[in-house]
N, C-alpha and C. Protein backbone atom coordinates (compact mmCIF):
# COMPACT_ATOMS: atom_id res chain seq x y z
N ASP A 1 31.14 -1.47 -15.25
CA ASP A 1 29.91 -1.45 -14.50
C ASP A 1 30.15 -1.44 -13.35
N SER A 2 30.02 -0.63 -12.16
CA SER A 2 30.22 -0.99 -10.85
C SER A 2 28.94 -1.48 -10.64
N PRO A 3 28.92 -2.47 -9.36
CA PRO A 3 27.50 -3.09 -9.09
C PRO A 3 26.47 -1.94 -8.95
N GLU A 4 26.58 -0.96 -8.48
CA GLU A 4 25.71 0.09 -8.18
C GLU A 4 24.81 0.37 -9.16
N HIS A 5 25.34 0.25 -10.47
CA HIS A 5 24.93 0.65 -11.53
C HIS A 5 23.90 -0.56 -12.15
N ALA A 6 24.41 -1.88 -12.01
CA ALA A 6 23.71 -3.01 -12.38
C ALA A 6 22.46 -3.15 -11.53
N THR A 7 22.08 -2.71 -10.33
CA THR A 7 20.79 -2.77 -9.83
C THR A 7 20.14 -1.53 -10.20
N GLY A 8 20.37 -0.54 -10.82
CA GLY A 8 19.55 0.51 -11.23
C GLY A 8 20.12 1.84 -10.16
N PRO A 9 19.06 2.61 -10.55
CA PRO A 9 19.78 3.82 -9.57
C PRO A 9 19.53 3.78 -7.82
N HIS A 10 20.16 3.99 -7.25
CA HIS A 10 20.18 4.09 -5.98
C HIS A 10 18.88 5.02 -5.55
N ILE A 11 17.87 4.74 -5.07
CA ILE A 11 16.82 5.44 -4.16
C ILE A 11 17.04 5.37 -2.60
N ASN A 12 17.10 6.26 -1.99
CA ASN A 12 17.13 6.76 -0.65
C ASN A 12 15.60 6.39 -0.10
N GLU A 13 15.39 5.38 0.90
CA GLU A 13 14.22 4.94 1.61
C GLU A 13 13.14 5.80 2.21
N LEU A 14 14.19 6.89 2.45
CA LEU A 14 13.50 8.46 3.14
C LEU A 14 12.55 8.84 2.00
N ASP A 15 13.10 8.73 0.91
CA ASP A 15 12.49 9.98 -0.51
C ASP A 15 11.09 9.12 -0.57
N MET A 16 10.98 7.82 -0.54
CA MET A 16 10.01 6.88 -1.12
C MET A 16 8.66 7.10 -0.08
N PRO A 17 7.41 7.04 -0.47
CA PRO A 17 5.94 7.36 0.07
C PRO A 17 6.26 6.12 1.25
N ILE A 18 5.87 6.35 2.26
CA ILE A 18 5.60 5.36 3.39
C ILE A 18 4.42 4.06 3.36
N ALA A 19 3.55 4.40 2.11
CA ALA A 19 3.02 3.27 1.82
C ALA A 19 4.16 2.02 1.13
N GLN A 20 4.90 2.58 0.02
CA GLN A 20 5.93 1.98 -0.14
C GLN A 20 6.94 1.16 0.42
N ARG A 21 7.42 2.41 1.39
CA ARG A 21 8.48 1.48 2.47
C ARG A 21 7.91 0.53 3.42
N LYS A 22 6.71 0.57 3.78
CA LYS A 22 6.07 -0.35 4.74
C LYS A 22 5.76 -1.71 4.09
N GLY A 23 5.19 -1.67 2.49
CA GLY A 23 4.97 -3.05 1.85
C GLY A 23 3.45 -3.35 2.22
N LYS A 24 3.00 -4.49 1.65
CA LYS A 24 1.62 -4.86 1.77
C LYS A 24 1.60 -5.95 3.05
N ARG A 25 0.64 -5.77 4.04
CA ARG A 25 0.62 -6.42 5.20
C ARG A 25 -0.87 -7.08 5.43
N SER A 26 -0.99 -7.99 6.03
CA SER A 26 -2.41 -8.29 6.59
C SER A 26 -2.63 -8.73 7.83
N CYS A 27 -3.54 -8.53 8.37
CA CYS A 27 -4.03 -9.38 9.84
C CYS A 27 -5.10 -10.18 9.88
N THR A 28 -5.21 -11.08 10.06
CA THR A 28 -6.34 -12.22 10.06
C THR A 28 -7.05 -12.26 11.39
N MET A 29 -6.19 -11.86 12.47
CA MET A 29 -6.93 -11.71 13.49
C MET A 29 -8.00 -10.89 13.93
N HIS A 30 -7.84 -9.41 13.33
CA HIS A 30 -9.14 -9.03 13.45
C HIS A 30 -9.55 -8.41 12.14
N PRO A 31 -10.26 -9.25 11.28
CA PRO A 31 -10.63 -8.47 9.82
C PRO A 31 -11.49 -7.37 9.76
N LEU A 32 -11.49 -6.50 9.10
CA LEU A 32 -12.17 -5.33 9.03
C LEU A 32 -13.43 -5.52 8.34
N SER A 33 -13.65 -6.32 7.47
CA SER A 33 -14.89 -6.94 7.27
C SER A 33 -15.88 -7.54 8.16
N GLY A 34 -15.75 -7.61 9.25
CA GLY A 34 -16.74 -7.95 10.40
C GLY A 34 -17.03 -6.87 10.79
N HIS A 35 -16.44 -5.20 10.47
CA HIS A 35 -17.05 -4.37 11.24
C HIS A 35 -17.32 -3.24 10.03
N LEU A 36 -16.95 -3.57 8.71
CA LEU A 36 -17.21 -2.29 7.81
C LEU A 36 -17.81 -3.27 6.66
N SER A 37 -18.55 -2.34 5.99
CA SER A 37 -19.32 -2.47 4.74
C SER A 37 -19.21 -1.52 3.56
N MET A 38 -18.60 -2.12 2.45
CA MET A 38 -18.65 -1.29 1.19
C MET A 38 -19.94 -0.52 0.95
N ALA A 39 -20.81 -1.29 1.07
CA ALA A 39 -22.26 -0.50 0.92
C ALA A 39 -22.44 0.63 1.80
N ARG A 40 -21.86 0.99 2.94
CA ARG A 40 -21.98 1.95 3.77
C ARG A 40 -20.92 3.36 3.46
N LEU A 41 -19.82 3.00 2.25
CA LEU A 41 -19.13 3.90 2.14
C LEU A 41 -19.64 4.81 1.04
N THR A 42 -19.23 6.30 1.15
CA THR A 42 -19.58 7.00 0.03
C THR A 42 -19.11 6.44 -1.55
N PRO A 43 -19.59 6.73 -2.52
CA PRO A 43 -19.17 6.13 -3.81
C PRO A 43 -17.49 6.58 -4.11
N THR A 44 -17.31 7.90 -3.82
CA THR A 44 -15.98 8.27 -4.19
C THR A 44 -15.07 7.51 -3.04
N TYR A 45 -15.44 7.33 -1.94
CA TYR A 45 -14.58 6.48 -1.03
C TYR A 45 -14.44 5.34 -1.61
N ARG A 46 -15.58 4.44 -1.79
CA ARG A 46 -15.77 3.18 -2.32
C ARG A 46 -14.43 3.00 -3.32
N GLN A 47 -14.38 3.91 -4.30
CA GLN A 47 -13.39 3.92 -5.32
C GLN A 47 -11.82 4.13 -4.93
N PHE A 48 -11.97 4.81 -4.19
CA PHE A 48 -10.40 4.97 -3.57
C PHE A 48 -10.03 3.54 -2.91
N VAL A 49 -11.02 2.90 -2.00
CA VAL A 49 -10.45 1.65 -1.20
C VAL A 49 -10.39 0.88 -2.49
N LYS A 50 -11.15 0.55 -3.40
CA LYS A 50 -10.90 -0.51 -4.49
C LYS A 50 -9.43 -0.29 -5.21
N GLY A 51 -9.08 1.08 -5.25
CA GLY A 51 -7.71 1.29 -5.76
C GLY A 51 -6.66 0.97 -5.00
N LEU A 52 -6.93 0.50 -3.87
CA LEU A 52 -5.91 0.44 -2.83
C LEU A 52 -5.62 -1.34 -3.06
N SER A 53 -6.35 -2.26 -3.34
CA SER A 53 -6.00 -3.46 -3.60
C SER A 53 -5.74 -3.99 -4.78
């Protein structure tokens, strides 16, 4: 087996969704919780946001 097959199929980074390419990031300098409230979101958008974490 070649080393290429040992790690699985090669995936071109440009073919991946941007959210997967960028990875998970965090910012503690400007937390959004001080500006946003989950209670003010529509139920549909609230479910969407919960699915992101």
